[in-house]
PDB file of N, CA and C in Angstrom:
ATOM      1  N   MET A   1      94.173  31.776 126.630  1.00  0.00           N
ATOM      2  CA  MET A   1      93.685  32.592 127.710  1.00  0.00           C
ATOM      3  C   MET A   1      93.779  34.496 127.245  1.00  0.00           C
ATOM      4  N   VAL A   2      95.496  34.250 127.104  1.00  0.00           N
ATOM      5  CA  VAL A   2      95.564  36.190 127.163  1.00  0.00           C
ATOM      6  C   VAL A   2      95.230  36.760 125.777  1.00  0.00           C
ATOM      7  N   VAL A   3      95.008  35.817 124.772  1.00  0.00           N
ATOM      8  CA  VAL A   3      95.138  36.679 124.062  1.00  0.00           C
ATOM      9  C   VAL A   3      93.349  36.471 123.356  1.00  0.00           C
ATOM     10  N   ARG A   4      93.003  36.193 124.504  1.00  0.00           N
ATOM     11  CA  ARG A   4      90.696  35.742 124.505  1.00  0.00           C
ATOM     12  C   ARG A   4      90.619  37.253 124.926  1.00  0.00           C
ATOM     13  N   ARG A   5      91.493  37.382 126.524  1.00  0.00           N
ATOM     14  CA  ARG A   5      91.411  38.438 126.864  1.00  0.00           C
ATOM     15  C   ARG A   5      91.474  39.299 125.688  1.00  0.00           C
ATOM     16  N   TRP A   6      91.979  40.182 125.105  1.00  0.00           N
ATOM     17  CA  TRP A   6      92.556  41.228 123.808  1.00  0.00           C
ATOM     18  C   TRP A   6      92.085  41.097 122.963  1.00  0.00           C
ATOM     19  N   GLN A   7      92.249  39.471 122.646  1.00  0.00           N
ATOM     20  CA  GLN A   7      91.587  40.143 120.637  1.00  0.00           C
ATOM     21  C   GLN A   7      90.813  38.660 120.436  1.00  0.00           C
ATOM     22  N   PRO A   8      89.260  38.649 121.137  1.00  0.00           N
ATOM     23  CA  PRO A   8      88.560  37.905 120.886  1.00  0.00           C
ATOM     24  C   PRO A   8      88.212  37.069 119.800  1.00  0.00           C
ATOM     25  N   ASP A   9      88.688  37.985 118.780  1.00  0.00           N
ATOM     26  CA  ASP A   9      88.336  36.779 117.479  1.00  0.00           C
ATOM     27  C   ASP A   9      89.609  35.825 116.867  1.00  0.00           C
ATOM     28  N   MET A  10      90.719  36.206 117.170  1.00  0.00           N
ATOM     29  CA  MET A  10      91.543  35.500 117.424  1.00  0.00           C
ATOM     30  C   MET A  10      92.343  34.131 117.977  1.00  0.00           C
ATOM     31  N   ALA A  11      91.390  33.828 119.113  1.00  0.00           N
ATOM     32  CA  ALA A  11      91.434  32.697 120.344  1.00  0.00           C
ATOM     33  C   ALA A  11      90.791  32.307 119.642  1.00  0.00           C
ATOM     34  N   GLY A  12      89.615  32.295 118.507  1.00  0.00           N
ATOM     35  CA  GLY A  12      90.287  30.671 117.844  1.00  0.00           C
ATOM     36  C   GLY A  12      91.312  30.039 116.922  1.00  0.00           C
ATOM     37  N   VAL A  13      91.679  30.436 116.550  1.00  0.00           N
ATOM     38  CA  VAL A  13      92.765  30.433 115.583  1.00  0.00           C
ATOM     39  C   VAL A  13      93.812  30.718 116.490  1.00  0.00           C
ATOM     40  N   VAL A  14      94.313  31.023 117.450  1.00  0.00           N
ATOM     41  CA  VAL A  14      95.262  30.401 118.588  1.00  0.00           C
ATOM     42  C   VAL A  14      94.556  29.115 119.404  1.00  0.00           C
ATOM     43  N   ALA A  15      93.672  28.541 119.301  1.00  0.00           N
ATOM     44  CA  ALA A  15      93.132  27.242 119.981  1.00  0.00           C
ATOM     45  C   ALA A  15      93.544  25.917 118.766  1.00  0.00           C
ATOM     46  N   VAL A  16      93.724  27.081 117.619  1.00  0.00           N
ATOM     47  CA  VAL A  16      93.460  25.612 116.147  1.00  0.00           C
ATOM     48  C   VAL A  16      94.862  25.088 116.000  1.00  0.00           C
ATOM     49  N   VAL A  17      95.846  26.312 115.782  1.00  0.00           N
ATOM     50  CA  VAL A  17      96.883  26.065 115.596  1.00  0.00           C
ATOM     51  C   VAL A  17      98.411  25.524 116.850  1.00  0.00           C
ATOM     52  N   ALA A  18      97.187  25.981 118.310  1.00  0.00           N
ATOM     53  CA  ALA A  18      97.662  25.366 118.783  1.00  0.00           C
ATOM     54  C   ALA A  18      97.840  23.216 119.392  1.00  0.00           C
ATOM     55  N   GLY A  19      96.157  23.486 118.977  1.00  0.00           N
ATOM     56  CA  GLY A  19      96.121  21.970 119.133  1.00  0.00           C
ATOM     57  C   GLY A  19      96.681  21.428 118.127  1.00  0.00           C
ATOM     58  N   GLY A  20      96.772  21.473 116.233  1.00  0.00           N
ATOM     59  CA  GLY A  20      97.360  20.888 115.547  1.00  0.00           C
ATOM     60  C   GLY A  20      99.193  20.375 115.691  1.00  0.00           C
ATOM     61  N   ILE A  21      99.681  22.201 116.866  1.00  0.00           N
ATOM     62  CA  ILE A  21     101.804  21.492 117.683  1.00  0.00           C
ATOM     63  C   ILE A  21     101.712  20.742 118.165  1.00  0.00           C
ATOM     64  N   LEU A  22      99.903  20.462 118.985  1.00  0.00           N
ATOM     65  CA  LEU A  22     100.464  19.558 120.227  1.00  0.00           C
ATOM     66  C   LEU A  22      99.881  17.801 119.066  1.00  0.00           C
ATOM     67  N   LEU A  23      99.031  18.165 118.001  1.00  0.00           N
ATOM     68  CA  LEU A  23      99.213  16.656 117.671  1.00  0.00           C
ATOM     69  C   LEU A  23     100.020  16.801 116.729  1.00  0.00           C
ATOM     70  N   LEU A  24     101.135  17.113 116.290  1.00  0.00           N
ATOM     71  CA  LEU A  24     102.410  17.186 115.468  1.00  0.00           C
ATOM     72  C   LEU A  24     102.938  16.848 116.920  1.00  0.00           C
ATOM     73  N   GLY A  25     104.062  17.126 117.620  1.00  0.00           N
ATOM     74  CA  GLY A  25     104.016  16.384 118.782  1.00  0.00           C
ATOM     75  C   GLY A  25     104.160  15.595 118.840  1.00  0.00           C
ATOM     76  N   ALA A  26     102.265  14.774 119.170  1.00  0.00           N
ATOM     77  CA  ALA A  26     102.441  13.061 119.270  1.00  0.00           C
ATOM     78  C   ALA A  26     102.190  12.047 118.412  1.00  0.00           C
ATOM     79  N   LEU A  27     102.267  12.402 117.001  1.00  0.00           N
ATOM     80  CA  LEU A  27     102.517  11.886 116.312  1.00  0.00           C
ATOM     81  C   LEU A  27     103.560  11.592 116.095  1.00  0.00           C
ATOM     82  N   GLU A  28     104.874  12.664 116.367  1.00  0.00           N
ATOM     83  CA  GLU A  28     106.652  11.596 116.610  1.00  0.00           C
ATOM     84  C   GLU A  28     106.526  10.375 117.621  1.00  0.00           C
ATOM     85  N   GLN A  29     106.030  10.811 118.367  1.00  0.00           N
ATOM     86  CA  GLN A  29     105.781   9.711 119.123  1.00  0.00           C
ATOM     87  C   GLN A  29     105.520   8.347 119.203  1.00  0.00           C
ATOM     88  N   LEU A  30     104.557   8.400 118.663  1.00  0.00           N
ATOM     89  CA  LEU A  30     103.836   7.556 117.245  1.00  0.00           C
ATOM     90  C   LEU A  30     104.374   6.348 116.920  1.00  0.00           C
ATOM     91  N   GLU A  31     105.481   7.281 116.134  1.00  0.00           N
ATOM     92  CA  GLU A  31     106.081   7.021 115.395  1.00  0.00           C
ATOM     93  C   GLU A  31     106.719   5.061 115.731  1.00  0.00           C
ATOM     94  N   GLY A  32     107.401   6.645 117.151  1.00  0.00           N
ATOM     95  CA  GLY A  32     108.167   4.778 117.889  1.00  0.00           C
ATOM     96  C   GLY A  32     107.254   3.708 118.069  1.00  0.00           C
ATOM     97  N   LEU A  33     106.382   3.951 118.651  1.00  0.00           N
ATOM     98  CA  LEU A  33     104.911   3.497 119.349  1.00  0.00           C
ATOM     99  C   LEU A  33     104.429   1.971 117.784  1.00  0.00           C
ATOM    100  N   HIS A  34     105.145   2.344 116.834  1.00  0.00           N
ATOM    101  CA  HIS A  34     105.276   1.973 115.803  1.00  0.00           C
ATOM    102  C   HIS A  34     105.881   1.036 115.427  1.00  0.00           C
ATOM    103  N   ARG A  35     106.324   0.975 115.379  1.00  0.00           N
ATOM    104  CA  ARG A  35     107.959   0.220 115.785  1.00  0.00           C
ATOM    105  C   ARG A  35     108.217  -1.060 116.902  1.00  0.00           C
ATOM    106  N   LEU A  36     107.862  -0.425 117.673  1.00  0.00           N
ATOM    107  CA  LEU A  36     107.194  -0.978 118.836  1.00  0.00           C
ATOM    108  C   LEU A  36     106.245  -2.101 118.850  1.00  0.00           C
ATOM    109  N   LEU A  37     106.000  -1.988 118.200  1.00  0.00           N
ATOM    110  CA  LEU A  37     104.080  -2.963 118.433  1.00  0.00           C
ATOM    111  C   LEU A  37     104.462  -3.912 116.968  1.00  0.00           C
ATOM    112  N   ASP A  38     105.008  -3.117 116.348  1.00  0.00           N
ATOM    113  CA  ASP A  38     105.736  -4.716 114.726  1.00  0.00           C
ATOM    114  C   ASP A  38     107.200  -5.513 115.663  1.00  0.00           C
ATOM    115  N   ARG A  39     107.789  -4.853 116.416  1.00  0.00           N
ATOM    116  CA  ARG A  39     108.324  -6.314 117.291  1.00  0.00           C
ATOM    117  C   ARG A  39     107.323  -6.598 117.312  1.00  0.00           C
ATOM    118  N   LEU A  40     106.740  -6.278 118.661  1.00  0.00           N
ATOM    119  CA  LEU A  40     106.002  -7.255 119.737  1.00  0.00           C
ATOM    120  C   LEU A  40     105.565  -8.369 118.366  1.00  0.00           C
ATOM    121  N   ALA A  41     105.185  -7.720 117.590  1.00  0.00           N
ATOM    122  CA  ALA A  41     103.786  -8.111 116.556  1.00  0.00           C
ATOM    123  C   ALA A  41     104.665 -10.099 115.436  1.00  0.00           C
ATOM    124  N   ALA A  42     105.922  -9.558 115.804  1.00  0.00           N
ATOM    125  CA  ALA A  42     106.912 -10.471 114.748  1.00  0.00           C
ATOM    126  C   ALA A  42     107.190 -11.188 116.542  1.00  0.00           C
ATOM    127  N   LEU A  43     107.405 -11.145 117.068  1.00  0.00           N
ATOM    128  CA  LEU A  43     107.755 -11.336 118.540  1.00  0.00           C
ATOM    129  C   LEU A  43     106.263 -12.761 118.786  1.00  0.00           C
ATOM    130  N   GLY A  44     105.384 -12.282 118.801  1.00  0.00           N
ATOM    131  CA  GLY A  44     104.416 -13.175 118.580  1.00  0.00           C
ATOM    132  C   GLY A  44     103.777 -13.726 118.335  1.00  0.00           C
ATOM    133  N   GLY A  45     104.145 -13.251 117.266  1.00  0.00           N
ATOM    134  CA  GLY A  45     103.331 -14.017 115.754  1.00  0.00           C
ATOM    135  C   GLY A  45     101.847 -13.259 115.129  1.00  0.00           C
ATOM    136  N   LEU A  46     101.578 -11.911 115.785  1.00  0.00           N
ATOM    137  CA  LEU A  46     100.545 -12.001 115.666  1.00  0.00           C
ATOM    138  C   LEU A  46     100.804 -11.280 114.141  1.00  0.00           C
ATOM    139  N   ARG A  47      99.401 -11.197 113.244  1.00  0.00           N
ATOM    140  CA  ARG A  47      99.202 -10.053 111.854  1.00  0.00           C
ATOM    141  C   ARG A  47      99.729  -8.457 112.925  1.00  0.00           C
ATOM    142  N   THR A  48     100.082  -8.064 111.291  1.00  0.00           N
ATOM    143  CA  THR A  48     100.450  -6.793 112.153  1.00  0.00           C
ATOM    144  C   THR A  48      99.927  -5.510 110.987  1.00  0.00           C
ATOM    145  N   ASP A  49      98.131  -6.100 110.049  1.00  0.00           N
ATOM    146  CA  ASP A  49      97.369  -5.893 109.899  1.00  0.00           C
ATOM    147  C   ASP A  49      96.030  -5.402 111.422  1.00  0.00           C
ATOM    148  N   TYR A  50      95.600  -5.825 112.038  1.00  0.00           N
ATOM    149  CA  TYR A  50      95.475  -5.071 113.486  1.00  0.00           C
ATOM    150  C   TYR A  50      96.394  -4.762 114.452  1.00  0.00           C
ATOM    151  N   LEU A  51      97.706  -4.550 114.445  1.00  0.00           N
ATOM    152  CA  LEU A  51      98.647  -3.618 115.182  1.00  0.00           C
ATOM    153  C   LEU A  51      98.428  -2.303 114.639  1.00  0.00           C
ATOM    154  N   GLN A  52      98.547  -2.203 112.821  1.00  0.00           N
ATOM    155  CA  GLN A  52      98.218  -0.894 112.173  1.00  0.00           C
ATOM    156  C   GLN A  52      96.578  -0.434 112.087  1.00  0.00           C
ATOM    157  N   MET A  53      95.832  -1.164 112.096  1.00  0.00           N
ATOM    158  CA  MET A  53      93.959  -0.955 112.677  1.00  0.00           C
ATOM    159  C   MET A  53      94.148  -0.493 114.171  1.00  0.00           C
ATOM    160  N   LEU A  54      95.248  -0.264 114.911  1.00  0.00           N
ATOM    161  CA  LEU A  54      94.990   0.295 116.180  1.00  0.00           C
ATOM    162  C   LEU A  54      95.685   0.936 116.760  1.00  0.00           C
ATOM    163  N   LEU A  55      96.795   1.388 115.599  1.00  0.00           N
ATOM    164  CA  LEU A  55      97.364   2.899 115.222  1.00  0.00           C
ATOM    165  C   LEU A  55      96.249   4.112 114.886  1.00  0.00           C
ATOM    166  N   LYS A  56      96.187   3.599 113.605  1.00  0.00           N
ATOM    167  CA  LYS A  56      94.756   4.083 113.570  1.00  0.00           C
ATOM    168  C   LYS A  56      92.971   4.598 114.188  1.00  0.00           C
ATOM    169  N   VAL A  57      93.131   3.753 113.938  1.00  0.00           N
ATOM    170  CA  VAL A  57      91.454   4.610 116.324  1.00  0.00           C
ATOM    171  C   VAL A  57      92.078   4.826 116.280  1.00  0.00           C
ATOM    172  N   LEU A  58      93.292   4.798 117.128  1.00  0.00           N
ATOM    173  CA  LEU A  58      93.758   6.322 118.158  1.00  0.00           C
ATOM    174  C   LEU A  58      94.208   6.491 117.561  1.00  0.00           C
ATOM    175  N   GLY A  59      95.555   7.526 116.495  1.00  0.00           N
ATOM    176  CA  GLY A  59      95.134   8.206 115.950  1.00  0.00           C
ATOM    177  C   GLY A  59      93.959   9.482 115.903  1.00  0.00           C
ATOM    178  N   MET A  60      93.020   8.496 115.367  1.00  0.00           N
ATOM    179  CA  MET A  60      91.590   8.909 114.357  1.00  0.00           C
ATOM    180  C   MET A  60      90.751   9.548 115.881  1.00  0.00           C
ATOM    181  N   SER A  61      90.800   9.180 116.825  1.00  0.00           N
ATOM    182  CA  SER A  61      90.132   9.601 118.064  1.00  0.00           C
ATOM    183  C   SER A  61      90.702  10.357 118.843  1.00  0.00           C
ATOM    184  N   TYR A  62      92.087  11.068 118.736  1.00  0.00           N
ATOM    185  CA  TYR A  62      92.736  11.325 119.293  1.00  0.00           C
ATOM    186  C   TYR A  62      92.316  12.667 118.638  1.00  0.00           C
ATOM    187  N   ALA A  63      92.706  13.240 117.602  1.00  0.00           N
ATOM    188  CA  ALA A  63      91.854  13.835 116.446  1.00  0.00           C
ATOM    189  C   ALA A  63      90.603  14.185 116.368  1.00  0.00           C
ATOM    190  N   SER A  64      89.713  13.016 116.647  1.00  0.00           N
ATOM    191  CA  SER A  64      88.316  14.639 116.509  1.00  0.00           C
ATOM    192  C   SER A  64      88.192  14.328 118.274  1.00  0.00           C
ATOM    193  N   GLU A  65      88.902  14.504 119.144  1.00  0.00           N
ATOM    194  CA  GLU A  65      88.023  14.438 119.979  1.00  0.00           C
ATOM    195  C   GLU A  65      89.600  16.067 120.649  1.00  0.00           C
ATOM    196  N   LEU A  66      90.451  15.792 119.743  1.00  0.00           N
ATOM    197  CA  LEU A  66      90.857  17.944 119.601  1.00  0.00           C
ATOM    198  C   LEU A  66      89.789  18.286 118.679  1.00  0.00           C
ATOM    199  N   ALA A  67      90.007  18.315 118.073  1.00  0.00           N
ATOM    200  CA  ALA A  67      88.744  19.050 117.436  1.00  0.00           C
ATOM    201  C   ALA A  67      86.864  19.390 117.556  1.00  0.00           C
ATOM    202  N   ALA A  68      87.005  18.239 118.748  1.00  0.00           N
ATOM    203  CA  ALA A  68      85.719  18.553 118.953  1.00  0.00           C
ATOM    204  C   ALA A  68      86.067  19.775 120.197  1.00  0.00           C
ATOM    205  N   GLN A  69      86.698  19.446 120.847  1.00  0.00           N
ATOM    206  CA  GLN A  69      87.222  20.341 121.707  1.00  0.00           C
ATOM    207  C   GLN A  69      87.549  21.297 121.351  1.00  0.00           C
ATOM    208  N   THR A  70      88.765  21.368 120.329  1.00  0.00           N
ATOM    209  CA  THR A  70      88.757  23.114 119.965  1.00  0.00           C
ATOM    210  C   THR A  70      86.835  23.837 119.473  1.00  0.00           C
ATOM    211  N   CYS A  71      86.367  22.949 119.395  1.00  0.00           N
ATOM    212  CA  CYS A  71      84.899  23.838 118.891  1.00  0.00           C
ATOM    213  C   CYS A  71      84.446  23.673 119.779  1.00  0.00           C
ATOM    214  N   GLU A  72      84.351  23.157 120.962  1.00  0.00           N
ATOM    215  CA  GLU A  72      83.839  22.784 122.024  1.00  0.00           C
ATOM    216  C   GLU A  72      84.683  25.104 122.627  1.00  0.00           C
ATOM    217  N   ASP A  73      85.762  24.561 122.829  1.00  0.00           N
ATOM    218  CA  ASP A  73      86.867  25.793 122.500  1.00  0.00           C
ATOM    219  C   ASP A  73      86.247  27.302 122.440  1.00  0.00           C
ATOM    220  N   LEU A  74      85.828  27.617 121.062  1.00  0.00           N
ATOM    221  CA  LEU A  74      85.147  27.958 119.945  1.00  0.00           C
ATOM    222  C   LEU A  74      83.805  28.444 120.553  1.00  0.00           C
ATOM    223  N   GLY A  75      82.854  28.034 121.470  1.00  0.00           N
ATOM    224  CA  GLY A  75      81.439  28.050 121.574  1.00  0.00           C
ATOM    225  C   GLY A  75      80.400  27.657 120.450  1.00  0.00           C
ATOM    226  N   GLU A  76      81.354  26.169 120.133  1.00  0.00           N
ATOM    227  CA  GLU A  76      80.092  25.216 119.629  1.00  0.00           C
ATOM    228  C   GLU A  76      80.322  24.635 119.313  1.00  0.00           C
ATOM    229  N   LYS A  77      79.296  24.002 121.054  1.00  0.00           N
ATOM    230  CA  LYS A  77      78.613  23.201 121.621  1.00  0.00           C
ATOM    231  C   LYS A  77      77.964  22.102 120.565  1.00  0.00           C
ATOM    232  N   SER A  78      77.355  22.780 119.573  1.00  0.00           N
ATOM    233  CA  SER A  78      76.323  21.430 118.925  1.00  0.00           C
ATOM    234  C   SER A  78      77.911  20.637 117.641  1.00  0.00           C
ATOM    235  N   LEU A  79      78.503  21.370 117.285  1.00  0.00           N
ATOM    236  CA  LEU A  79      79.787  21.481 116.305  1.00  0.00           C
ATOM    237  C   LEU A  79      80.453  20.451 116.722  1.00  0.00           C
ATOM    238  N   ALA A  80      80.348  20.758 118.447  1.00  0.00           N
ATOM    239  CA  ALA A  80      81.803  19.272 118.175  1.00  0.00           C
ATOM    240  C   ALA A  80      80.112  18.238 118.558  1.00  0.00           C
ATOM    241  N   LEU A  81      79.867  17.828 118.990  1.00  0.00           N
ATOM    242  CA  LEU A  81      79.178  16.809 119.816  1.00  0.00           C
ATOM    243  C   LEU A  81      79.344  16.097 117.806  1.00  0.00           C
ATOM    244  N   LYS A  82      78.828  17.092 116.748  1.00  0.00           N
ATOM    245  CA  LYS A  82      78.993  16.097 115.530  1.00  0.00           C
ATOM    246  C   LYS A  82      80.257  16.198 115.374  1.00  0.00           C
ATOM    247  N   VAL A  83      81.161  16.695 115.436  1.00  0.00           N
ATOM    248  CA  VAL A  83      82.857  15.415 115.499  1.00  0.00           C
ATOM    249  C   VAL A  83      82.622  14.856 116.138  1.00  0.00           C
ATOM    250  N   GLU A  84      82.577  14.924 117.272  1.00  0.00           N
ATOM    251  CA  GLU A  84      82.803  13.820 118.392  1.00  0.00           C
ATOM    252  C   GLU A  84      81.769  12.393 117.491  1.00  0.00           C
ATOM    253  N   MET A  85      80.523  12.601 116.624  1.00  0.00           N
ATOM    254  CA  MET A  85      79.670  11.510 116.138  1.00  0.00           C
ATOM    255  C   MET A  85      80.373  11.407 114.710  1.00  0.00           C
ATOM    256  N   ALA A  86      80.946  12.184 114.554  1.00  0.00           N
ATOM    257  CA  ALA A  86      81.350  11.987 112.961  1.00  0.00           C
ATOM    258  C   ALA A  86      82.908  10.646 112.971  1.00  0.00           C
ATOM    259  N   GLY A  87      84.329  10.578 114.375  1.00  0.00           N
ATOM    260  CA  GLY A  87      85.571  10.952 113.935  1.00  0.00           C
ATOM    261  C   GLY A  87      84.943   8.818 114.622  1.00  0.00           C
ATOM    262  N   LYS A  88      83.486   8.660 115.626  1.00  0.00           N
ATOM    263  CA  LYS A  88      83.494   7.298 115.685  1.00  0.00           C
ATOM    264  C   LYS A  88      83.047   6.246 114.159  1.00  0.00           C
ATOM    265  N   LEU A  89      82.115   7.950 114.494  1.00  0.00           N
ATOM    266  CA  LEU A  89      81.200   6.737 112.948  1.00  0.00           C
ATOM    267  C   LEU A  89      82.693   5.904 111.472  1.00  0.00           C
ATOM    268  N   CYS A  90      83.894   6.673 111.790  1.00  0.00           N
ATOM    269  CA  CYS A  90      84.931   6.861 111.183  1.00  0.00           C
ATOM    270  C   CYS A  90      85.924   5.779 111.737  1.00  0.00           C
ATOM    271  N   ILE A  91      86.325   6.411 113.019  1.00  0.00           N
ATOM    272  CA  ILE A  91      86.137   4.669 113.749  1.00  0.00           C
ATOM    273  C   ILE A  91      86.014   3.219 113.449  1.00  0.00           C
ATOM    274  N   PHE A  92      84.317   3.274 113.742  1.00  0.00           N
ATOM    275  CA  PHE A  92      83.317   1.742 113.047  1.00  0.00           C
ATOM    276  C   PHE A  92      83.909   1.660 111.440  1.00  0.00           C
ATOM    277  N   GLY A  93      84.453   2.298 111.211  1.00  0.00           N
ATOM    278  CA  GLY A  93      84.624   2.143 109.374  1.00  0.00           C
ATOM    279  C   GLY A  93      85.742   0.907 109.413  1.00  0.00           C
ATOM    280  N   VAL A  94      86.228   2.074 110.096  1.00  0.00           N
ATOM    281  CA  VAL A  94      88.073   0.905 110.328  1.00  0.00           C
ATOM    282  C   VAL A  94      87.680   0.067 110.834  1.00  0.00           C
ATOM    283  N   VAL A  95      87.239  -0.455 111.707  1.00  0.00           N
ATOM    284  CA  VAL A  95      87.146  -2.244 112.835  1.00  0.00           C
ATOM    285  C   VAL A  95      86.000  -2.928 112.513  1.00  0.00           C
ATOM    286  N   ALA A  96      85.181  -2.197 111.595  1.00  0.00           N
ATOM    287  CA  ALA A  96      84.251  -3.316 111.358  1.00  0.00           C
ATOM    288  C   ALA A  96      84.628  -4.970 110.888  1.00  0.00           C
ATOM    289  N   PRO A  97      85.525  -3.669 109.280  1.00  0.00           N
ATOM    290  CA  PRO A  97      86.093  -5.246 108.673  1.00  0.00           C
ATOM    291  C   PRO A  97      86.482  -6.977 109.673  1.00  0.00           C
ATOM    292  N   MET A  98      87.553  -6.036 110.507  1.00  0.00           N
ATOM    293  CA  MET A  98      87.841  -7.126 111.986  1.00  0.00           C
ATOM    294  C   MET A  98      87.210  -7.595 112.690  1.00  0.00           C
ATOM    295  N   LEU A  99      85.636  -6.686 113.284  1.00  0.00           N
ATOM    296  CA  LEU A  99      84.992  -6.972 113.533  1.00  0.00           C
ATOM    297  C   LEU A  99      83.707  -8.435 112.711  1.00  0.00           C
ATOM    298  N   LEU A 100      84.206  -8.223 111.778  1.00  0.00           N
ATOM    299  CA  LEU A 100      83.435  -9.134 111.010  1.00  0.00           C
ATOM    300  C   LEU A 100      85.174 -10.657 110.643  1.00  0.00           C
ATOM    301  N   GLU A 101      85.936 -10.353 110.846  1.00  0.00           N
ATOM    302  CA  GLU A 101      86.224 -11.508 110.888  1.00  0.00           C
ATOM    303  C   GLU A 101      86.441 -11.673 112.430  1.00  0.00           C
ATOM    304  N   LEU A 102      86.248 -10.950 112.863  1.00  0.00           N
ATOM    305  CA  LEU A 102      86.220 -12.009 114.288  1.00  0.00           C
ATOM    306  C   LEU A 102      84.364 -13.235 114.456  1.00  0.00           C
ATOM    307  N   LEU A 103      83.554 -12.117 114.288  1.00  0.00           N
ATOM    308  CA  LEU A 103      82.346 -13.106 113.348  1.00  0.00           C
ATOM    309  C   LEU A 103      82.383 -14.421 112.313  1.00  0.00           C
ATOM    310  N   GLU A 104      83.220 -13.969 111.953  1.00  0.00           N
ATOM    311  CA  GLU A 104      83.065 -15.745 111.312  1.00  0.00           C
ATOM    312  C   GLU A 104      83.919 -16.429 111.208  1.00  0.00           C
ATOM    313  N   THR A 105      84.763 -16.235 112.535  1.00  0.00           N
ATOM    314  CA  THR A 105      85.287 -17.178 113.573  1.00  0.00           C
ATOM    315  C   THR A 105      84.908 -17.617 114.445  1.00  0.00           C
ATOM    316  N   ILE A 106      83.798 -16.790 115.305  1.00  0.00           N
ATOM    317  CA  ILE A 106      83.551 -17.712 115.467  1.00  0.00           C
ATOM    318  C   ILE A 106      82.223 -18.388 115.235  1.00  0.00           C
ATOM    319  N   VAL A 107      81.955 -18.075 114.689  1.00  0.00           N
ATOM    320  CA  VAL A 107      80.424 -19.134 113.884  1.00  0.00           C
ATOM    321  C   VAL A 107      81.116 -20.588 113.282  1.00  0.00           C
ATOM    322  N   GLY A 108      82.596 -20.076 112.606  1.00  0.00           N
ATOM    323  CA  GLY A 108      83.449 -21.537 112.247  1.00  0.00           C
ATOM    324  C   GLY A 108      83.304 -22.683 113.427  1.00  0.00           C
ATOM    325  N   LEU A 109      83.706 -21.722 114.775  1.00  0.00           N
ATOM    326  CA  LEU A 109      84.039 -22.735 115.860  1.00  0.00           C
ATOM    327  C   LEU A 109      82.552 -23.302 116.439  1.00  0.00           C
ATOM    328  N   VAL A 110      82.120 -22.924 116.017  1.00  0.00           N
ATOM    329  CA  VAL A 110      80.288 -23.193 116.854  1.00  0.00           C
ATOM    330  C   VAL A 110      79.496 -24.315 116.027  1.00  0.00           C
ATOM    331  N   PRO A 111      79.384 -26.017 116.491  1.00  0.00           N
ATOM    332  CA  PRO A 111      79.136 -26.300 115.084  1.00  0.00           C
ATOM    333  C   PRO A 111      77.786 -26.369 114.889  1.00  0.00           C
TER     334      PRO A 111
END
């Protein structure tokens, strides 16, 4: 906000850099979470594919939300909406195979 007051042109660059730094800091925390989820999957006999998919979806969700909020901060509301939509479509693309497998399992259980 201080930069925006004196150098409005640089405020967008500062916002993008700050968002990137925050996202990189969050990625370090996700690495620990990844190991924890792998351990839980091994204990519960779950497929690690699903847990990796969960982490991908979380990462995509946070990244698209951060990008959309940055666009909105820069006054580009329509671009922010498009970024959110693109993020949702990417998430669906990652989750679609799991949904198909779930549907096939349900159809296989029905006589």
